[in-house]
Amino acid sequence: MNSETATQVEESPIITIEEMHKWYGDFHVLKDINLTVKKGERIVICGPSGSGKSTLIRCINRLEEHQRGKIVVDGIELTNDLKNIEKIRAEVGMVFQHFNLFPHLTIIENLTLGPIWVRKTPKKEAEEVAMYYLEKVRIAEQANKFPGQLSGGQQQRVAIARSLCMKPNVMLFDEPTSALDPEMVKEVLDVMISLAGDGMTMLVVSHEMGFAKSVAHRVLFMDGGEILEENEPEIFFGNPQHERTQLFLSQILD
């Protein structure tokens, strides 16, 4: 990682997770999670299916509820307080595997819905912001089409632009390329690389190890609901410490 990207990270944490646990009934899905994310930091979370990766990032905006420990996002602790949950969701954008666009709304209507209803942004201003981000993800010409008229890669870029329209401080990506055909993966990753260059704080659950190597400040490896290893990409890929990490990387890297 070059020094230019390194300087974008601030020392102050924007996310702090302390001794966090989560259960589904008797199943202990997340065990003693401790993680600090600094402003501007980009973290890629990898690991086998069922390791708790997606559940972890879904806890950060309370799509999933943790039962023990502490999660603080941008100075606000996540509790059952609905006002705090709403505040955090307004600051934390999320992009899912499946695009979750409203099929009956045009692309620009999908993008302006949140700012108009949640942020109370005037329609004209919301549309200007939406066009700005559609240009940023390189599909401004699709603004008046419906989601069903776009390819999967285009729809995922719309989903990213929709999150950006809320002007979040943090972006969470839950395997954003896993539902895409291989030729569409690059166009979505290119948009994410561009976001990284803008200094966005990002947590990305992904198996795209090339992306992790080139963009992440840190790579986390999870298995069995625990963070088993975390390190800078150079060390993580070049000299993994945990034998479970070594096995995982040997299976997914050519």
C-alpha atoms as a PDB file:
ATOM      1  CA  MET A   1       0.000   0.000   0.000  1.00  0.00           C
ATOM      2  CA  ASN A   2       1.409   3.351  -0.935  1.00  0.00           C
ATOM      3  CA  SER A   3       1.909   6.233   1.470  1.00  0.00           C
ATOM      4  CA  GLU A   4      -0.762   8.305  -0.237  1.00  0.00           C
ATOM      5  CA  THR A   5      -3.510   5.860   0.745  1.00  0.00           C
ATOM      6  CA  ALA A   6      -1.997   5.397   4.193  1.00  0.00           C
ATOM      7  CA  THR A   7      -2.278   9.108   4.979  1.00  0.00           C
ATOM      8  CA  GLN A   8      -6.045   9.010   4.497  1.00  0.00           C
ATOM      9  CA  VAL A   9      -6.526   6.997   7.699  1.00  0.00           C
ATOM     10  CA  GLU A  10      -7.169   9.066  10.808  1.00  0.00           C
ATOM     11  CA  GLU A  11      -6.211   7.838  14.265  1.00  0.00           C
ATOM     12  CA  SER A  12      -9.684   8.385  15.719  1.00  0.00           C
ATOM     13  CA  PRO A  13     -11.863   5.257  15.560  1.00  0.00           C
ATOM     14  CA  ILE A  14     -15.218   5.431  13.813  1.00  0.00           C
ATOM     15  CA  ILE A  15     -16.236   1.887  14.847  1.00  0.00           C
ATOM     16  CA  THR A  16     -15.338   0.157  18.103  1.00  0.00           C
ATOM     17  CA  ILE A  17     -16.492  -3.383  18.899  1.00  0.00           C
ATOM     18  CA  GLU A  18     -15.643  -4.806  22.340  1.00  0.00           C
ATOM     19  CA  GLU A  19     -16.185  -8.380  23.551  1.00  0.00           C
ATOM     20  CA  MET A  20     -19.207  -8.780  21.292  1.00  0.00           C
ATOM     21  CA  HIS A  21     -21.144 -12.047  21.198  1.00  0.00           C
ATOM     22  CA  LYS A  22     -24.184 -13.144  19.218  1.00  0.00           C
ATOM     23  CA  TRP A  23     -26.347 -16.234  19.390  1.00  0.00           C
ATOM     24  CA  TYR A  24     -29.108 -17.651  17.188  1.00  0.00           C
ATOM     25  CA  GLY A  25     -30.921 -19.661  19.861  1.00  0.00           C
ATOM     26  CA  ASP A  26     -28.260 -22.079  21.156  1.00  0.00           C
ATOM     27  CA  PHE A  27     -25.922 -21.460  18.220  1.00  0.00           C
ATOM     28  CA  HIS A  28     -23.050 -19.163  19.200  1.00  0.00           C
ATOM     29  CA  VAL A  29     -22.529 -17.397  15.864  1.00  0.00           C
ATOM     30  CA  LEU A  30     -20.093 -14.629  16.967  1.00  0.00           C
ATOM     31  CA  LYS A  31     -17.624 -15.152  19.812  1.00  0.00           C
ATOM     32  CA  ASP A  32     -15.773 -12.392  21.640  1.00  0.00           C
ATOM     33  CA  ILE A  33     -15.344 -10.033  18.675  1.00  0.00           C
ATOM     34  CA  ASN A  34     -12.973  -7.113  19.274  1.00  0.00           C
ATOM     35  CA  LEU A  35     -12.367  -4.691  16.424  1.00  0.00           C
ATOM     36  CA  THR A  36     -11.465  -1.030  16.023  1.00  0.00           C
ATOM     37  CA  VAL A  37     -11.904   0.675  12.650  1.00  0.00           C
ATOM     38  CA  LYS A  38     -10.307   4.078  12.079  1.00  0.00           C
ATOM     39  CA  LYS A  39     -11.782   6.792   9.884  1.00  0.00           C
ATOM     40  CA  GLY A  40     -10.741   6.211   6.292  1.00  0.00           C
ATOM     41  CA  GLU A  41      -9.639   2.635   6.949  1.00  0.00           C
ATOM     42  CA  ARG A  42     -10.529  -0.153   4.533  1.00  0.00           C
ATOM     43  CA  ILE A  43     -10.936  -3.629   5.946  1.00  0.00           C
ATOM     44  CA  VAL A  44     -11.642  -6.805   3.972  1.00  0.00           C
ATOM     45  CA  ILE A  45     -13.161  -9.705   5.924  1.00  0.00           C
ATOM     46  CA  CYS A  46     -12.715 -13.172   4.477  1.00  0.00           C
ATOM     47  CA  GLY A  47     -13.304 -16.733   5.629  1.00  0.00           C
ATOM     48  CA  PRO A  48     -15.282 -19.862   4.797  1.00  0.00           C
ATOM     49  CA  SER A  49     -19.045 -19.898   4.392  1.00  0.00           C
ATOM     50  CA  GLY A  50     -20.822 -19.825   7.744  1.00  0.00           C
ATOM     51  CA  SER A  51     -17.903 -18.244   9.608  1.00  0.00           C
ATOM     52  CA  GLY A  52     -19.949 -15.241  10.788  1.00  0.00           C
ATOM     53  CA  LYS A  53     -18.552 -12.607   8.382  1.00  0.00           C
ATOM     54  CA  SER A  54     -21.885 -11.284   7.124  1.00  0.00           C
ATOM     55  CA  THR A  55     -23.448 -11.461  10.578  1.00  0.00           C
ATOM     56  CA  LEU A  56     -20.612  -9.331  11.950  1.00  0.00           C
ATOM     57  CA  ILE A  57     -21.113  -6.452   9.515  1.00  0.00           C
ATOM     58  CA  ARG A  58     -24.909  -6.719   9.818  1.00  0.00           C
ATOM     59  CA  CYS A  59     -24.519  -6.152  13.570  1.00  0.00           C
ATOM     60  CA  ILE A  60     -22.751  -2.838  12.854  1.00  0.00           C
ATOM     61  CA  ASN A  61     -25.994  -1.239  11.605  1.00  0.00           C
ATOM     62  CA  ARG A  62     -28.307  -3.365  13.753  1.00  0.00           C
ATOM     63  CA  LEU A  63     -29.716  -5.502  10.974  1.00  0.00           C
ATOM     64  CA  GLU A  64     -28.698  -8.203  13.443  1.00  0.00           C
ATOM     65  CA  GLU A  65     -28.841  -7.724  17.215  1.00  0.00           C
ATOM     66  CA  HIS A  66     -25.877  -8.689  19.393  1.00  0.00           C
ATOM     67  CA  GLN A  67     -26.579 -10.117  22.840  1.00  0.00           C
ATOM     68  CA  ARG A  68     -23.390  -9.264  24.714  1.00  0.00           C
ATOM     69  CA  GLY A  69     -20.602  -6.707  24.431  1.00  0.00           C
ATOM     70  CA  LYS A  70     -20.495  -3.255  22.945  1.00  0.00           C
ATOM     71  CA  ILE A  71     -20.669  -1.689  19.465  1.00  0.00           C
ATOM     72  CA  VAL A  72     -20.031   2.053  19.094  1.00  0.00           C
ATOM     73  CA  VAL A  73     -20.390   3.708  15.672  1.00  0.00           C
ATOM     74  CA  ASP A  74     -19.311   7.324  15.232  1.00  0.00           C
ATOM     75  CA  GLY A  75     -19.662   7.970  18.968  1.00  0.00           C
ATOM     76  CA  ILE A  76     -23.113   6.347  19.279  1.00  0.00           C
ATOM     77  CA  GLU A  77     -23.539   3.038  21.103  1.00  0.00           C
ATOM     78  CA  LEU A  78     -25.864   0.526  19.451  1.00  0.00           C
ATOM     79  CA  THR A  79     -28.552  -0.473  21.931  1.00  0.00           C
ATOM     80  CA  ASN A  80     -32.276  -1.117  21.663  1.00  0.00           C
ATOM     81  CA  ASP A  81     -32.799   2.658  21.480  1.00  0.00           C
ATOM     82  CA  LEU A  82     -34.544   3.123  18.117  1.00  0.00           C
ATOM     83  CA  LYS A  83     -33.358   6.728  17.789  1.00  0.00           C
ATOM     84  CA  ASN A  84     -29.727   5.615  18.020  1.00  0.00           C
ATOM     85  CA  ILE A  85     -30.349   2.823  15.504  1.00  0.00           C
ATOM     86  CA  GLU A  86     -31.882   5.325  13.069  1.00  0.00           C
ATOM     87  CA  LYS A  87     -28.955   7.728  13.540  1.00  0.00           C
ATOM     88  CA  ILE A  88     -26.426   4.989  12.841  1.00  0.00           C
ATOM     89  CA  ARG A  89     -28.295   3.663   9.805  1.00  0.00           C
ATOM     90  CA  ALA A  90     -28.305   7.182   8.384  1.00  0.00           C
ATOM     91  CA  GLU A  91     -24.494   7.286   8.717  1.00  0.00           C
ATOM     92  CA  VAL A  92     -23.726   3.717   7.613  1.00  0.00           C
ATOM     93  CA  GLY A  93     -24.397   2.667   4.021  1.00  0.00           C
ATOM     94  CA  MET A  94     -24.849  -1.000   3.168  1.00  0.00           C
ATOM     95  CA  VAL A  95     -24.566  -2.885  -0.102  1.00  0.00           C
ATOM     96  CA  PHE A  96     -25.838  -6.467  -0.186  1.00  0.00           C
ATOM     97  CA  GLN A  97     -25.197  -9.506  -2.411  1.00  0.00           C
ATOM     98  CA  HIS A  98     -28.593  -8.939  -4.009  1.00  0.00           C
ATOM     99  CA  PHE A  99     -29.257  -5.416  -5.058  1.00  0.00           C
ATOM    100  CA  ASN A 100     -32.557  -4.804  -3.192  1.00  0.00           C
ATOM    101  CA  LEU A 101     -33.649  -2.119  -5.644  1.00  0.00           C
ATOM    102  CA  PHE A 102     -37.351  -1.278  -5.937  1.00  0.00           C
ATOM    103  CA  PRO A 103     -38.329  -2.787  -9.310  1.00  0.00           C
ATOM    104  CA  HIS A 104     -41.298  -0.423  -9.839  1.00  0.00           C
ATOM    105  CA  LEU A 105     -39.171   2.724  -9.417  1.00  0.00           C
ATOM    106  CA  THR A 106     -36.733   4.159 -11.951  1.00  0.00           C
ATOM    107  CA  ILE A 107     -33.050   4.246 -11.096  1.00  0.00           C
ATOM    108  CA  ILE A 108     -33.128   7.911 -10.112  1.00  0.00           C
ATOM    109  CA  GLU A 109     -36.273   7.321  -8.019  1.00  0.00           C
ATOM    110  CA  ASN A 110     -34.471   4.492  -6.204  1.00  0.00           C
ATOM    111  CA  LEU A 111     -31.600   6.871  -5.437  1.00  0.00           C
ATOM    112  CA  THR A 112     -33.673   9.834  -4.266  1.00  0.00           C
ATOM    113  CA  LEU A 113     -36.127   7.926  -2.057  1.00  0.00           C
ATOM    114  CA  GLY A 114     -33.858   7.783   1.036  1.00  0.00           C
ATOM    115  CA  PRO A 115     -32.555  11.369   0.920  1.00  0.00           C
ATOM    116  CA  ILE A 116     -36.094  12.772   0.407  1.00  0.00           C
ATOM    117  CA  TRP A 117     -37.805  10.699   3.113  1.00  0.00           C
ATOM    118  CA  VAL A 118     -35.013  10.209   5.671  1.00  0.00           C
ATOM    119  CA  ARG A 119     -32.813  13.276   5.227  1.00  0.00           C
ATOM    120  CA  LYS A 120     -35.726  15.544   4.161  1.00  0.00           C
ATOM    121  CA  THR A 121     -33.683  16.687   1.153  1.00  0.00           C
ATOM    122  CA  PRO A 122     -35.648  18.758  -1.413  1.00  0.00           C
ATOM    123  CA  LYS A 123     -36.432  16.697  -4.531  1.00  0.00           C
ATOM    124  CA  LYS A 124     -34.401  18.850  -6.942  1.00  0.00           C
ATOM    125  CA  GLU A 125     -31.323  18.690  -4.709  1.00  0.00           C
ATOM    126  CA  ALA A 126     -31.766  14.930  -4.183  1.00  0.00           C
ATOM    127  CA  GLU A 127     -31.913  14.431  -7.962  1.00  0.00           C
ATOM    128  CA  GLU A 128     -28.738  16.494  -8.476  1.00  0.00           C
ATOM    129  CA  VAL A 129     -26.917  14.407  -5.854  1.00  0.00           C
ATOM    130  CA  ALA A 130     -28.272  11.194  -7.433  1.00  0.00           C
ATOM    131  CA  MET A 131     -26.976  12.197 -10.864  1.00  0.00           C
ATOM    132  CA  TYR A 132     -23.597  13.068  -9.367  1.00  0.00           C
ATOM    133  CA  TYR A 133     -23.245   9.572  -7.908  1.00  0.00           C
ATOM    134  CA  LEU A 134     -24.641   7.859 -11.004  1.00  0.00           C
ATOM    135  CA  GLU A 135     -21.886   9.604 -12.959  1.00  0.00           C
ATOM    136  CA  LYS A 136     -19.394   8.493 -10.314  1.00  0.00           C
ATOM    137  CA  VAL A 137     -20.402   4.839 -10.805  1.00  0.00           C
ATOM    138  CA  ARG A 138     -20.460   5.437 -14.587  1.00  0.00           C
ATOM    139  CA  ILE A 139     -24.120   4.763 -15.383  1.00  0.00           C
ATOM    140  CA  ALA A 140     -25.700   8.236 -15.517  1.00  0.00           C
ATOM    141  CA  GLU A 141     -27.294   7.354 -18.863  1.00  0.00           C
ATOM    142  CA  GLN A 142     -29.432   4.695 -17.111  1.00  0.00           C
ATOM    143  CA  ALA A 143     -31.137   7.176 -14.728  1.00  0.00           C
ATOM    144  CA  ASN A 144     -34.634   6.838 -16.185  1.00  0.00           C
ATOM    145  CA  LYS A 145     -34.612   3.093 -16.756  1.00  0.00           C
ATOM    146  CA  PHE A 146     -36.045   0.494 -14.371  1.00  0.00           C
ATOM    147  CA  PRO A 147     -33.785  -1.988 -12.507  1.00  0.00           C
ATOM    148  CA  GLY A 148     -35.014  -4.922 -14.621  1.00  0.00           C
ATOM    149  CA  GLN A 149     -33.611  -3.235 -17.738  1.00  0.00           C
ATOM    150  CA  LEU A 150     -30.051  -3.240 -16.317  1.00  0.00           C
ATOM    151  CA  SER A 151     -27.435  -5.987 -16.054  1.00  0.00           C
ATOM    152  CA  GLY A 152     -26.492  -7.388 -12.648  1.00  0.00           C
ATOM    153  CA  GLY A 153     -23.269  -5.395 -12.579  1.00  0.00           C
ATOM    154  CA  GLN A 154     -25.128  -2.198 -13.423  1.00  0.00           C
ATOM    155  CA  GLN A 155     -27.735  -2.888 -10.725  1.00  0.00           C
ATOM    156  CA  GLN A 156     -25.015  -3.389  -8.119  1.00  0.00           C
ATOM    157  CA  ARG A 157     -23.413  -0.096  -9.147  1.00  0.00           C
ATOM    158  CA  VAL A 158     -26.832   1.543  -8.704  1.00  0.00           C
ATOM    159  CA  ALA A 159     -27.043  -0.008  -5.226  1.00  0.00           C
ATOM    160  CA  ILE A 160     -23.649   1.502  -4.362  1.00  0.00           C
ATOM    161  CA  ALA A 161     -24.708   4.914  -5.705  1.00  0.00           C
ATOM    162  CA  ARG A 162     -27.948   4.687  -3.703  1.00  0.00           C
ATOM    163  CA  SER A 163     -25.971   4.201  -0.484  1.00  0.00           C
ATOM    164  CA  LEU A 164     -23.653   7.100  -1.363  1.00  0.00           C
ATOM    165  CA  CYS A 165     -26.640   9.418  -1.847  1.00  0.00           C
ATOM    166  CA  MET A 166     -27.220   9.209   1.914  1.00  0.00           C
ATOM    167  CA  LYS A 167     -23.689  10.619   2.353  1.00  0.00           C
ATOM    168  CA  PRO A 168     -22.618   7.931   4.827  1.00  0.00           C
ATOM    169  CA  ASN A 169     -19.459   8.001   6.941  1.00  0.00           C
ATOM    170  CA  VAL A 170     -19.013   4.230   6.599  1.00  0.00           C
ATOM    171  CA  MET A 171     -19.838   1.768   3.825  1.00  0.00           C
ATOM    172  CA  LEU A 172     -20.488  -1.921   4.549  1.00  0.00           C
ATOM    173  CA  PHE A 173     -20.333  -4.387   1.650  1.00  0.00           C
ATOM    174  CA  ASP A 174     -21.699  -7.898   2.139  1.00  0.00           C
ATOM    175  CA  GLU A 175     -20.166 -10.024  -0.641  1.00  0.00           C
ATOM    176  CA  PRO A 176     -21.148  -7.414  -3.259  1.00  0.00           C
ATOM    177  CA  THR A 177     -19.851  -9.424  -6.228  1.00  0.00           C
ATOM    178  CA  SER A 178     -20.881 -12.969  -5.266  1.00  0.00           C
ATOM    179  CA  ALA A 179     -24.205 -12.876  -7.155  1.00  0.00           C
ATOM    180  CA  LEU A 180     -22.614 -11.497 -10.338  1.00  0.00           C
ATOM    181  CA  ASP A 181     -21.409 -13.198 -13.489  1.00  0.00           C
ATOM    182  CA  PRO A 182     -17.583 -13.167 -13.643  1.00  0.00           C
ATOM    183  CA  GLU A 183     -17.423 -10.535 -16.405  1.00  0.00           C
ATOM    184  CA  MET A 184     -19.503  -8.145 -14.252  1.00  0.00           C
ATOM    185  CA  VAL A 185     -17.330  -8.471 -11.145  1.00  0.00           C
ATOM    186  CA  LYS A 186     -14.611  -6.132 -12.403  1.00  0.00           C
ATOM    187  CA  GLU A 187     -16.968  -3.221 -13.097  1.00  0.00           C
ATOM    188  CA  VAL A 188     -18.256  -3.321  -9.496  1.00  0.00           C
ATOM    189  CA  LEU A 189     -14.774  -3.717  -8.018  1.00  0.00           C
ATOM    190  CA  ASP A 190     -13.575  -0.763 -10.115  1.00  0.00           C
ATOM    191  CA  VAL A 191     -16.268   1.411  -8.522  1.00  0.00           C
ATOM    192  CA  MET A 192     -15.238   0.202  -5.056  1.00  0.00           C
ATOM    193  CA  ILE A 193     -11.572   0.939  -5.822  1.00  0.00           C
ATOM    194  CA  SER A 194     -12.594   4.453  -6.852  1.00  0.00           C
ATOM    195  CA  LEU A 195     -14.459   4.862  -3.541  1.00  0.00           C
ATOM    196  CA  ALA A 196     -11.376   3.677  -1.695  1.00  0.00           C
ATOM    197  CA  GLY A 197      -9.354   6.356  -3.457  1.00  0.00           C
ATOM    198  CA  ASP A 198     -11.803   8.952  -2.106  1.00  0.00           C
ATOM    199  CA  GLY A 199     -10.973   7.888   1.466  1.00  0.00           C
ATOM    200  CA  MET A 200     -14.297   6.195   2.328  1.00  0.00           C
ATOM    201  CA  THR A 201     -14.252   4.007   5.461  1.00  0.00           C
ATOM    202  CA  MET A 202     -15.131   0.543   4.159  1.00  0.00           C
ATOM    203  CA  LEU A 203     -15.740  -2.916   5.611  1.00  0.00           C
ATOM    204  CA  VAL A 204     -15.992  -5.466   2.826  1.00  0.00           C
ATOM    205  CA  VAL A 205     -16.937  -9.122   3.186  1.00  0.00           C
ATOM    206  CA  SER A 206     -15.442 -10.661   0.056  1.00  0.00           C
ATOM    207  CA  HIS A 207     -13.533 -13.540  -1.520  1.00  0.00           C
ATOM    208  CA  GLU A 208     -11.983 -11.144  -4.051  1.00  0.00           C
ATOM    209  CA  MET A 209      -8.418 -11.455  -2.818  1.00  0.00           C
ATOM    210  CA  GLY A 210      -6.980  -9.274  -5.578  1.00  0.00           C
ATOM    211  CA  PHE A 211      -9.180  -6.452  -4.305  1.00  0.00           C
ATOM    212  CA  ALA A 212      -8.038  -7.144  -0.730  1.00  0.00           C
ATOM    213  CA  LYS A 213      -4.374  -7.044  -1.758  1.00  0.00           C
ATOM    214  CA  SER A 214      -4.655  -3.766  -3.648  1.00  0.00           C
ATOM    215  CA  VAL A 215      -7.149  -1.791  -1.555  1.00  0.00           C
ATOM    216  CA  ALA A 216      -7.299  -3.032   2.065  1.00  0.00           C
ATOM    217  CA  HIS A 217      -5.361  -1.551   4.942  1.00  0.00           C
ATOM    218  CA  ARG A 218      -6.113  -4.740   6.897  1.00  0.00           C
ATOM    219  CA  VAL A 219      -7.446  -8.183   6.065  1.00  0.00           C
ATOM    220  CA  LEU A 220      -9.374 -10.178   8.684  1.00  0.00           C
ATOM    221  CA  PHE A 221      -9.841 -13.930   8.584  1.00  0.00           C
ATOM    222  CA  MET A 222     -12.856 -15.393  10.374  1.00  0.00           C
ATOM    223  CA  ASP A 223     -13.787 -18.988  11.120  1.00  0.00           C
ATOM    224  CA  GLY A 224     -16.213 -20.483  13.609  1.00  0.00           C
ATOM    225  CA  GLY A 225     -17.509 -17.064  14.636  1.00  0.00           C
ATOM    226  CA  GLU A 226     -14.089 -15.758  15.661  1.00  0.00           C
ATOM    227  CA  ILE A 227     -11.497 -13.412  14.176  1.00  0.00           C
ATOM    228  CA  LEU A 228      -8.536 -15.784  13.963  1.00  0.00           C
ATOM    229  CA  GLU A 229      -6.099 -13.490  12.181  1.00  0.00           C
ATOM    230  CA  GLU A 230      -5.763  -9.889  11.046  1.00  0.00           C
ATOM    231  CA  ASN A 231      -2.881  -8.161   9.361  1.00  0.00           C
ATOM    232  CA  GLU A 232      -1.747  -5.872   6.569  1.00  0.00           C
ATOM    233  CA  PRO A 233      -2.311  -7.512   3.158  1.00  0.00           C
ATOM    234  CA  GLU A 234       1.399  -8.003   2.491  1.00  0.00           C
ATOM    235  CA  ILE A 235       1.862 -10.044   5.672  1.00  0.00           C
ATOM    236  CA  PHE A 236      -1.592 -11.660   5.610  1.00  0.00           C
ATOM    237  CA  PHE A 237      -1.052 -13.137   2.145  1.00  0.00           C
ATOM    238  CA  GLY A 238       2.725 -13.486   2.249  1.00  0.00           C
ATOM    239  CA  ASN A 239       3.116 -15.021   5.698  1.00  0.00           C
ATOM    240  CA  PRO A 240      -0.204 -16.084   7.251  1.00  0.00           C
ATOM    241  CA  GLN A 241       0.265 -17.128  10.885  1.00  0.00           C
ATOM    242  CA  HIS A 242      -2.747 -19.279  11.732  1.00  0.00           C
ATOM    243  CA  GLU A 243      -2.859 -22.748  10.188  1.00  0.00           C
ATOM    244  CA  ARG A 244      -6.571 -22.291   9.422  1.00  0.00           C
ATOM    245  CA  THR A 245      -5.739 -19.110   7.457  1.00  0.00           C
ATOM    246  CA  GLN A 246      -2.984 -20.950   5.595  1.00  0.00           C
ATOM    247  CA  LEU A 247      -5.409 -23.726   4.597  1.00  0.00           C
ATOM    248  CA  PHE A 248      -8.088 -21.242   3.493  1.00  0.00           C
ATOM    249  CA  LEU A 249      -5.690 -19.226   1.363  1.00  0.00           C
ATOM    250  CA  SER A 250      -4.206 -22.379  -0.202  1.00  0.00           C
ATOM    251  CA  GLN A 251      -7.716 -23.329  -1.325  1.00  0.00           C
ATOM    252  CA  ILE A 252      -8.752 -19.994  -2.829  1.00  0.00           C
ATOM    253  CA  LEU A 253      -5.500 -18.601  -4.231  1.00  0.00           C
ATOM    254  CA  ASP A 254      -4.153 -19.914  -7.506  1.00  0.00           C
END
